[in-house]
Amino acid sequence: MPADPRPERPRIIQAAGGIVWRTPERQQLAVIYRDRYELDECCLPKGKLDPGEDWERAAVREVLEETGCEAAIEGFAGLLTYYVGERPKVVLYFEMLAVEDRGFQPSREVREMRWLSPQAALGELAHEAERGVVLRSLAAARARHPMVEHHTDRGD
């Protein structure tokens, strides 16, 4: 069989993460702080899928590893696509509710974890695309539960 003449395509990086709410009222969500490239980067918890792992399991595992919280998936929150160098990356985010806080432990990947109000998180998140995922999540929550709006507009 002749060799494929098409150039080799870079493998897609697959990652999963969560918008982790501390309570069903969505008054606080988990954000993490990474020290990357000597920058203090605030982002949502996420990470690469392990071989053979599905998106949901990866999201739950990464949230636990990066925040110290066991969380339950409540639904799909959205996806982001971007490039890391020459490689395309796809990140699926899930709506999650914290079930048990096992205590955050700093690691080589994550320096700090904080529970922030949605307004504070929107001000801290380093990437516009992640802010968009949080805004869409809040809009969906407001459509399902109108009382959520009262908790997200306080700015605390």
N, C-alpha and C. Protein backbone atom coordinates (compact mmCIF):
# COMPACT_ATOMS: atom_id res chain seq x y z
N MET A 1 0.85 -1.17 0.00
CA MET A 1 0.00 0.00 0.00
C MET A 1 0.89 1.24 0.00
N PRO A 2 0.63 2.19 -0.89
CA PRO A 2 1.47 3.39 -0.95
C PRO A 2 1.27 4.27 0.27
N ALA A 3 2.30 5.03 0.59
CA ALA A 3 2.24 5.95 1.73
C ALA A 3 1.23 7.05 1.46
N ASP A 4 0.60 7.52 2.50
CA ASP A 4 -0.38 8.60 2.40
C ASP A 4 0.36 9.89 2.05
N PRO A 5 0.02 10.53 0.91
CA PRO A 5 0.74 11.74 0.50
C PRO A 5 0.36 12.99 1.28
N ARG A 6 -0.71 12.92 2.06
CA ARG A 6 -1.13 14.10 2.82
C ARG A 6 -0.16 14.35 3.96
N PRO A 7 0.08 15.62 4.28
CA PRO A 7 0.96 15.90 5.41
C PRO A 7 0.32 15.42 6.72
N GLU A 8 1.17 15.03 7.65
CA GLU A 8 0.67 14.58 8.94
C GLU A 8 0.04 15.76 9.67
N ARG A 9 -1.17 15.55 10.18
CA ARG A 9 -1.86 16.59 10.92
C ARG A 9 -1.50 16.48 12.40
N PRO A 10 -1.40 17.62 13.06
CA PRO A 10 -1.14 17.56 14.50
C PRO A 10 -2.32 16.93 15.23
N ARG A 11 -2.03 16.13 16.24
CA ARG A 11 -3.09 15.53 17.05
C ARG A 11 -3.80 16.60 17.85
N ILE A 12 -5.10 16.45 17.96
CA ILE A 12 -5.91 17.40 18.72
C ILE A 12 -5.73 17.12 20.21
N ILE A 13 -5.45 18.17 20.97
CA ILE A 13 -5.36 18.07 22.43
C ILE A 13 -6.79 18.10 22.96
N GLN A 14 -7.15 17.08 23.73
CA GLN A 14 -8.48 17.00 24.30
C GLN A 14 -8.39 17.26 25.80
N ALA A 15 -9.21 18.20 26.27
CA ALA A 15 -9.22 18.54 27.70
C ALA A 15 -10.66 18.73 28.17
N ALA A 16 -10.85 18.58 29.48
CA ALA A 16 -12.18 18.76 30.07
C ALA A 16 -12.03 19.48 31.40
N GLY A 17 -13.08 20.20 31.75
CA GLY A 17 -13.05 20.94 33.00
C GLY A 17 -14.44 21.27 33.47
N GLY A 18 -14.50 22.13 34.49
CA GLY A 18 -15.79 22.43 35.05
C GLY A 18 -15.96 23.87 35.49
N ILE A 19 -17.22 24.27 35.44
CA ILE A 19 -17.66 25.47 36.16
C ILE A 19 -18.24 24.90 37.43
N VAL A 20 -17.47 24.98 38.50
CA VAL A 20 -17.82 24.31 39.75
C VAL A 20 -18.46 25.31 40.70
N TRP A 21 -19.74 25.08 40.97
CA TRP A 21 -20.49 25.95 41.87
C TRP A 21 -20.44 25.37 43.27
N ARG A 22 -20.25 26.25 44.23
CA ARG A 22 -20.14 25.81 45.64
C ARG A 22 -21.50 25.36 46.18
N THR A 23 -22.58 26.02 45.74
CA THR A 23 -23.93 25.70 46.19
C THR A 23 -24.88 25.75 44.99
N PRO A 24 -26.06 25.15 45.11
CA PRO A 24 -27.01 25.21 43.99
C PRO A 24 -27.45 26.63 43.64
N GLU A 25 -27.33 27.57 44.57
CA GLU A 25 -27.74 28.96 44.29
C GLU A 25 -26.75 29.71 43.42
N ARG A 26 -25.60 29.10 43.14
CA ARG A 26 -24.58 29.67 42.24
C ARG A 26 -24.07 31.03 42.72
N GLN A 27 -23.79 31.11 44.00
CA GLN A 27 -23.25 32.35 44.56
C GLN A 27 -21.74 32.42 44.45
N GLN A 28 -21.07 31.26 44.35
CA GLN A 28 -19.62 31.23 44.24
C GLN A 28 -19.20 30.09 43.30
N LEU A 29 -18.14 30.35 42.52
CA LEU A 29 -17.57 29.31 41.68
C LEU A 29 -16.08 29.22 41.92
N ALA A 30 -15.54 28.05 41.62
CA ALA A 30 -14.12 27.79 41.85
C ALA A 30 -13.29 28.32 40.69
N VAL A 31 -12.23 29.05 41.02
CA VAL A 31 -11.22 29.45 40.04
C VAL A 31 -9.87 29.02 40.59
N ILE A 32 -8.94 28.78 39.69
CA ILE A 32 -7.59 28.40 40.11
C ILE A 32 -6.59 29.40 39.56
N TYR A 33 -5.45 29.44 40.21
CA TYR A 33 -4.36 30.34 39.81
C TYR A 33 -3.14 29.49 39.47
N ARG A 34 -2.67 29.68 38.26
CA ARG A 34 -1.48 28.96 37.78
C ARG A 34 -0.36 29.96 37.60
N ASP A 35 0.86 29.53 37.85
CA ASP A 35 2.03 30.33 37.53
C ASP A 35 2.56 29.82 36.20
N ARG A 36 2.24 30.50 35.13
CA ARG A 36 2.69 30.10 33.80
C ARG A 36 3.44 31.25 33.15
N TYR A 37 4.58 30.92 32.61
CA TYR A 37 5.36 31.92 31.88
C TYR A 37 5.59 33.16 32.73
N GLU A 38 5.75 32.94 34.05
CA GLU A 38 5.96 34.01 35.02
C GLU A 38 4.78 34.96 35.12
N LEU A 39 3.60 34.49 34.69
CA LEU A 39 2.37 35.27 34.82
C LEU A 39 1.48 34.60 35.85
N ASP A 40 0.70 35.40 36.54
CA ASP A 40 -0.28 34.88 37.47
C ASP A 40 -1.57 34.72 36.69
N GLU A 41 -1.91 33.49 36.31
CA GLU A 41 -3.05 33.23 35.44
C GLU A 41 -4.22 32.65 36.23
N CYS A 42 -5.36 33.31 36.17
CA CYS A 42 -6.58 32.81 36.79
C CYS A 42 -7.40 32.13 35.71
N CYS A 43 -7.85 30.91 35.99
CA CYS A 43 -8.65 30.19 35.00
C CYS A 43 -9.59 29.21 35.68
N LEU A 44 -10.43 28.59 34.88
CA LEU A 44 -11.31 27.53 35.35
C LEU A 44 -10.51 26.24 35.43
N PRO A 45 -10.85 25.35 36.36
CA PRO A 45 -10.12 24.08 36.44
C PRO A 45 -10.38 23.22 35.20
N LYS A 46 -9.30 22.69 34.64
CA LYS A 46 -9.41 21.84 33.46
C LYS A 46 -8.09 21.11 33.26
N GLY A 47 -8.12 20.08 32.43
CA GLY A 47 -6.90 19.36 32.11
C GLY A 47 -7.14 18.33 31.02
N LYS A 48 -6.06 17.75 30.57
CA LYS A 48 -6.11 16.80 29.45
C LYS A 48 -6.72 15.47 29.87
N LEU A 49 -7.38 14.85 28.89
CA LEU A 49 -7.92 13.51 29.08
C LEU A 49 -6.77 12.52 29.15
N ASP A 50 -6.88 11.55 30.03
CA ASP A 50 -5.95 10.43 30.06
C ASP A 50 -6.34 9.45 28.96
N PRO A 51 -5.41 8.62 28.48
CA PRO A 51 -5.76 7.64 27.44
C PRO A 51 -6.94 6.76 27.88
N GLY A 52 -7.93 6.66 26.99
CA GLY A 52 -9.11 5.84 27.26
C GLY A 52 -10.15 6.48 28.16
N GLU A 53 -9.88 7.67 28.67
CA GLU A 53 -10.80 8.35 29.59
C GLU A 53 -11.84 9.12 28.80
N ASP A 54 -13.10 9.14 29.29
CA ASP A 54 -14.11 9.94 28.60
C ASP A 54 -14.11 11.37 29.17
N TRP A 55 -14.82 12.26 28.48
CA TRP A 55 -14.81 13.68 28.82
C TRP A 55 -15.30 13.93 30.25
N GLU A 56 -16.41 13.28 30.62
CA GLU A 56 -17.00 13.52 31.94
C GLU A 56 -16.07 13.06 33.06
N ARG A 57 -15.50 11.87 32.92
CA ARG A 57 -14.59 11.38 33.96
C ARG A 57 -13.37 12.29 34.07
N ALA A 58 -12.87 12.74 32.93
CA ALA A 58 -11.71 13.64 32.96
C ALA A 58 -12.05 14.95 33.68
N ALA A 59 -13.24 15.49 33.41
CA ALA A 59 -13.65 16.74 34.06
C ALA A 59 -13.72 16.57 35.57
N VAL A 60 -14.34 15.50 36.03
CA VAL A 60 -14.47 15.25 37.47
C VAL A 60 -13.08 15.05 38.09
N ARG A 61 -12.23 14.28 37.43
CA ARG A 61 -10.87 14.03 37.95
C ARG A 61 -10.06 15.32 38.01
N GLU A 62 -10.08 16.10 36.93
CA GLU A 62 -9.30 17.34 36.90
C GLU A 62 -9.78 18.34 37.95
N VAL A 63 -11.08 18.45 38.13
CA VAL A 63 -11.62 19.35 39.15
C VAL A 63 -11.12 18.92 40.53
N LEU A 64 -11.17 17.62 40.80
CA LEU A 64 -10.68 17.12 42.09
C LEU A 64 -9.19 17.41 42.25
N GLU A 65 -8.39 17.12 41.23
CA GLU A 65 -6.95 17.33 41.31
C GLU A 65 -6.59 18.80 41.49
N GLU A 66 -7.31 19.69 40.81
CA GLU A 66 -6.91 21.09 40.81
C GLU A 66 -7.57 21.94 41.89
N THR A 67 -8.70 21.47 42.44
CA THR A 67 -9.40 22.27 43.45
C THR A 67 -9.50 21.59 44.80
N GLY A 68 -9.34 20.27 44.83
CA GLY A 68 -9.57 19.52 46.06
C GLY A 68 -11.04 19.24 46.31
N CYS A 69 -11.89 19.54 45.34
CA CYS A 69 -13.34 19.33 45.49
C CYS A 69 -13.81 18.17 44.63
N GLU A 70 -14.58 17.31 45.28
CA GLU A 70 -15.30 16.30 44.52
C GLU A 70 -16.56 17.00 44.03
N ALA A 71 -16.86 16.84 42.75
CA ALA A 71 -18.00 17.55 42.18
C ALA A 71 -18.84 16.61 41.32
N ALA A 72 -20.13 16.90 41.25
CA ALA A 72 -21.06 16.12 40.44
C ALA A 72 -21.44 16.93 39.21
N ILE A 73 -21.43 16.28 38.06
CA ILE A 73 -21.81 16.95 36.82
C ILE A 73 -23.32 17.14 36.79
N GLU A 74 -23.74 18.37 36.46
CA GLU A 74 -25.16 18.68 36.32
C GLU A 74 -25.57 18.84 34.88
N GLY A 75 -24.60 19.09 33.99
CA GLY A 75 -24.91 19.25 32.58
C GLY A 75 -23.71 19.79 31.82
N PHE A 76 -23.89 19.94 30.54
CA PHE A 76 -22.85 20.46 29.66
C PHE A 76 -22.88 21.99 29.69
N ALA A 77 -21.72 22.63 29.82
CA ALA A 77 -21.66 24.09 29.92
C ALA A 77 -21.19 24.76 28.62
N GLY A 78 -20.37 24.08 27.85
CA GLY A 78 -19.87 24.68 26.61
C GLY A 78 -18.51 24.14 26.25
N LEU A 79 -18.02 24.61 25.13
CA LEU A 79 -16.70 24.16 24.69
C LEU A 79 -15.91 25.33 24.15
N LEU A 80 -14.60 25.17 24.22
CA LEU A 80 -13.67 26.15 23.67
C LEU A 80 -12.73 25.42 22.72
N THR A 81 -12.34 26.11 21.67
CA THR A 81 -11.30 25.60 20.78
C THR A 81 -10.28 26.70 20.57
N TYR A 82 -9.02 26.31 20.59
CA TYR A 82 -7.93 27.24 20.35
C TYR A 82 -6.68 26.44 20.01
N TYR A 83 -5.62 27.13 19.68
CA TYR A 83 -4.37 26.47 19.34
C TYR A 83 -3.34 26.65 20.45
N VAL A 84 -2.59 25.59 20.68
CA VAL A 84 -1.43 25.62 21.56
C VAL A 84 -0.25 25.37 20.64
N GLY A 85 0.41 26.44 20.25
CA GLY A 85 1.44 26.32 19.22
C GLY A 85 0.77 25.93 17.91
N GLU A 86 1.17 24.82 17.34
CA GLU A 86 0.60 24.33 16.09
C GLU A 86 -0.54 23.34 16.31
N ARG A 87 -0.76 22.96 17.57
CA ARG A 87 -1.75 21.92 17.85
C ARG A 87 -3.10 22.51 18.24
N PRO A 88 -4.18 22.00 17.63
CA PRO A 88 -5.52 22.44 18.05
C PRO A 88 -5.87 21.81 19.39
N LYS A 89 -6.61 22.57 20.21
CA LYS A 89 -7.05 22.08 21.51
C LYS A 89 -8.55 22.29 21.64
N VAL A 90 -9.24 21.28 22.15
CA VAL A 90 -10.67 21.34 22.41
C VAL A 90 -10.87 21.10 23.90
N VAL A 91 -11.61 22.00 24.56
CA VAL A 91 -11.91 21.86 25.98
C VAL A 91 -13.42 21.83 26.15
N LEU A 92 -13.94 20.76 26.74
CA LEU A 92 -15.35 20.67 27.07
C LEU A 92 -15.51 21.00 28.55
N TYR A 93 -16.41 21.94 28.84
CA TYR A 93 -16.70 22.34 30.22
C TYR A 93 -18.06 21.80 30.63
N PHE A 94 -18.15 21.39 31.88
CA PHE A 94 -19.39 20.87 32.42
C PHE A 94 -19.81 21.70 33.62
N GLU A 95 -21.14 21.87 33.74
CA GLU A 95 -21.71 22.49 34.94
C GLU A 95 -21.55 21.47 36.06
N MET A 96 -20.99 21.90 37.18
CA MET A 96 -20.74 20.99 38.28
C MET A 96 -21.14 21.63 39.60
N LEU A 97 -21.52 20.78 40.53
CA LEU A 97 -21.85 21.22 41.87
C LEU A 97 -20.90 20.53 42.84
N ALA A 98 -20.26 21.30 43.70
CA ALA A 98 -19.34 20.73 44.69
C ALA A 98 -20.13 19.82 45.62
N VAL A 99 -19.59 18.63 45.83
CA VAL A 99 -20.22 17.64 46.69
C VAL A 99 -19.46 17.53 48.01
N GLU A 100 -18.14 17.55 47.90
CA GLU A 100 -17.30 17.43 49.09
C GLU A 100 -16.01 18.20 48.87
N ASP A 101 -15.67 19.04 49.82
CA ASP A 101 -14.41 19.78 49.75
C ASP A 101 -13.38 19.00 50.55
N ARG A 102 -12.42 18.40 49.86
CA ARG A 102 -11.40 17.58 50.52
C ARG A 102 -10.18 18.42 50.91
N GLY A 103 -10.23 19.69 50.60
CA GLY A 103 -9.12 20.57 50.96
C GLY A 103 -8.15 20.75 49.79
N PHE A 104 -7.94 21.97 49.42
CA PHE A 104 -7.02 22.28 48.32
C PHE A 104 -5.58 22.07 48.77
N GLN A 105 -4.79 21.48 47.89
CA GLN A 105 -3.35 21.31 48.11
C GLN A 105 -2.61 21.91 46.92
N PRO A 106 -1.77 22.92 47.12
CA PRO A 106 -1.00 23.47 45.99
C PRO A 106 -0.17 22.38 45.32
N SER A 107 0.04 22.55 44.03
CA SER A 107 0.82 21.57 43.25
C SER A 107 1.73 22.32 42.29
N ARG A 108 2.46 21.58 41.49
CA ARG A 108 3.32 22.24 40.50
C ARG A 108 2.49 22.92 39.41
N GLU A 109 1.23 22.51 39.26
CA GLU A 109 0.36 23.10 38.24
C GLU A 109 -0.52 24.22 38.77
N VAL A 110 -0.97 24.10 40.02
CA VAL A 110 -1.93 25.06 40.58
C VAL A 110 -1.40 25.60 41.90
N ARG A 111 -1.25 26.91 41.95
CA ARG A 111 -0.73 27.59 43.12
C ARG A 111 -1.81 27.85 44.17
N GLU A 112 -3.02 28.19 43.69
CA GLU A 112 -4.07 28.62 44.62
C GLU A 112 -5.44 28.33 44.01
N MET A 113 -6.42 28.09 44.88
CA MET A 113 -7.81 27.95 44.48
C MET A 113 -8.64 28.90 45.32
N ARG A 114 -9.62 29.54 44.70
CA ARG A 114 -10.51 30.45 45.44
C ARG A 114 -11.95 30.23 45.01
N TRP A 115 -12.85 30.45 45.95
CA TRP A 115 -14.28 30.52 45.65
C TRP A 115 -14.60 32.01 45.48
N LEU A 116 -15.08 32.39 44.31
CA LEU A 116 -15.40 33.79 44.02
C LEU A 116 -16.85 33.94 43.57
N SER A 117 -17.39 35.11 43.81
CA SER A 117 -18.71 35.41 43.24
C SER A 117 -18.57 35.41 41.72
N PRO A 118 -19.65 35.20 40.99
CA PRO A 118 -19.54 35.25 39.54
C PRO A 118 -18.94 36.56 39.02
N GLN A 119 -19.35 37.68 39.62
CA GLN A 119 -18.82 38.97 39.17
C GLN A 119 -17.32 39.07 39.41
N ALA A 120 -16.87 38.64 40.58
CA ALA A 120 -15.45 38.67 40.88
C ALA A 120 -14.68 37.73 39.95
N ALA A 121 -15.24 36.54 39.70
CA ALA A 121 -14.58 35.58 38.81
C ALA A 121 -14.45 36.16 37.40
N LEU A 122 -15.49 36.82 36.93
CA LEU A 122 -15.43 37.42 35.59
C LEU A 122 -14.33 38.48 35.51
N GLY A 123 -14.09 39.16 36.62
CA GLY A 123 -13.03 40.15 36.65
C GLY A 123 -11.64 39.54 36.76
N GLU A 124 -11.55 38.33 37.31
CA GLU A 124 -10.25 37.68 37.52
C GLU A 124 -9.81 36.77 36.38
N LEU A 125 -10.77 36.09 35.72
CA LEU A 125 -10.40 35.12 34.69
C LEU A 125 -9.55 35.77 33.60
N ALA A 126 -8.44 35.12 33.28
CA ALA A 126 -7.46 35.69 32.35
C ALA A 126 -7.88 35.61 30.89
N HIS A 127 -8.78 34.68 30.56
CA HIS A 127 -9.10 34.44 29.16
C HIS A 127 -10.55 34.81 28.85
N GLU A 128 -10.72 35.62 27.83
CA GLU A 128 -12.05 36.07 27.40
C GLU A 128 -12.97 34.88 27.11
N ALA A 129 -12.43 33.85 26.49
CA ALA A 129 -13.25 32.69 26.13
C ALA A 129 -13.82 32.01 27.38
N GLU A 130 -13.04 31.90 28.44
CA GLU A 130 -13.55 31.31 29.68
C GLU A 130 -14.60 32.21 30.32
N ARG A 131 -14.41 33.51 30.23
CA ARG A 131 -15.44 34.43 30.75
C ARG A 131 -16.76 34.20 30.00
N GLY A 132 -16.67 33.96 28.70
CA GLY A 132 -17.86 33.68 27.89
C GLY A 132 -18.58 32.42 28.33
N VAL A 133 -17.83 31.38 28.67
CA VAL A 133 -18.45 30.13 29.14
C VAL A 133 -19.18 30.39 30.46
N VAL A 134 -18.58 31.17 31.34
CA VAL A 134 -19.22 31.48 32.63
C VAL A 134 -20.48 32.32 32.39
N LEU A 135 -20.40 33.31 31.52
CA LEU A 135 -21.58 34.14 31.23
C LEU A 135 -22.72 33.32 30.65
N ARG A 136 -22.42 32.39 29.75
CA ARG A 136 -23.46 31.53 29.18
C ARG A 136 -24.05 30.61 30.25
N SER A 137 -23.21 30.14 31.15
CA SER A 137 -23.68 29.30 32.24
C SER A 137 -24.64 30.08 33.14
N LEU A 138 -24.29 31.31 33.46
CA LEU A 138 -25.15 32.15 34.29
C LEU A 138 -26.47 32.45 33.59
N ALA A 139 -26.43 32.73 32.30
CA ALA A 139 -27.65 33.01 31.55
C ALA A 139 -28.57 31.79 31.55
N ALA A 140 -27.99 30.60 31.38
CA ALA A 140 -28.80 29.38 31.40
C ALA A 140 -29.39 29.16 32.78
N ALA A 141 -28.60 29.41 33.83
CA ALA A 141 -29.10 29.25 35.20
C ALA A 141 -30.23 30.23 35.49
N ARG A 142 -30.10 31.45 35.01
CA ARG A 142 -31.16 32.45 35.22
C ARG A 142 -32.44 32.05 34.51
N ALA A 143 -32.30 31.44 33.34
CA ALA A 143 -33.49 31.00 32.60
C ALA A 143 -34.20 29.86 33.34
N ARG A 144 -33.43 28.98 33.97
CA ARG A 144 -34.01 27.85 34.72
C ARG A 144 -34.51 28.27 36.09
N HIS A 145 -33.75 29.17 36.74
CA HIS A 145 -34.04 29.56 38.12
C HIS A 145 -33.87 31.08 38.24
N PRO A 146 -34.91 31.85 38.06
CA PRO A 146 -34.79 33.32 38.08
C PRO A 146 -34.15 33.90 39.33
N MET A 147 -34.21 33.23 40.47
CA MET A 147 -33.60 33.75 41.69
C MET A 147 -32.08 33.81 41.62
N VAL A 148 -31.47 33.05 40.71
CA VAL A 148 -30.01 33.06 40.58
C VAL A 148 -29.52 34.46 40.28
N GLU A 149 -30.28 35.22 39.51
CA GLU A 149 -29.87 36.57 39.12
C GLU A 149 -29.60 37.44 40.34
N HIS A 150 -30.39 37.32 41.37
CA HIS A 150 -30.19 38.14 42.55
C HIS A 150 -28.84 37.89 43.22
N HIS A 151 -28.34 36.68 43.11
CA HIS A 151 -27.07 36.33 43.74
C HIS A 151 -25.87 36.72 42.88
N THR A 152 -26.06 36.85 41.58
CA THR A 152 -24.92 37.11 40.71
C THR A 152 -24.71 38.60 40.45
N ASP A 153 -25.67 39.42 40.74
CA ASP A 153 -25.55 40.83 40.43
C ASP A 153 -25.06 41.67 41.61
N ARG A 154 -24.79 41.04 42.73
CA ARG A 154 -24.37 41.81 43.90
C ARG A 154 -22.95 42.28 43.82
N GLY A 155 -22.10 41.57 43.05
CA GLY A 155 -20.72 41.99 42.90
C GLY A 155 -19.82 41.64 44.07
N ASP A 156 -20.28 40.78 44.99
CA ASP A 156 -19.43 40.44 46.13
C ASP A 156 -18.64 39.18 45.87
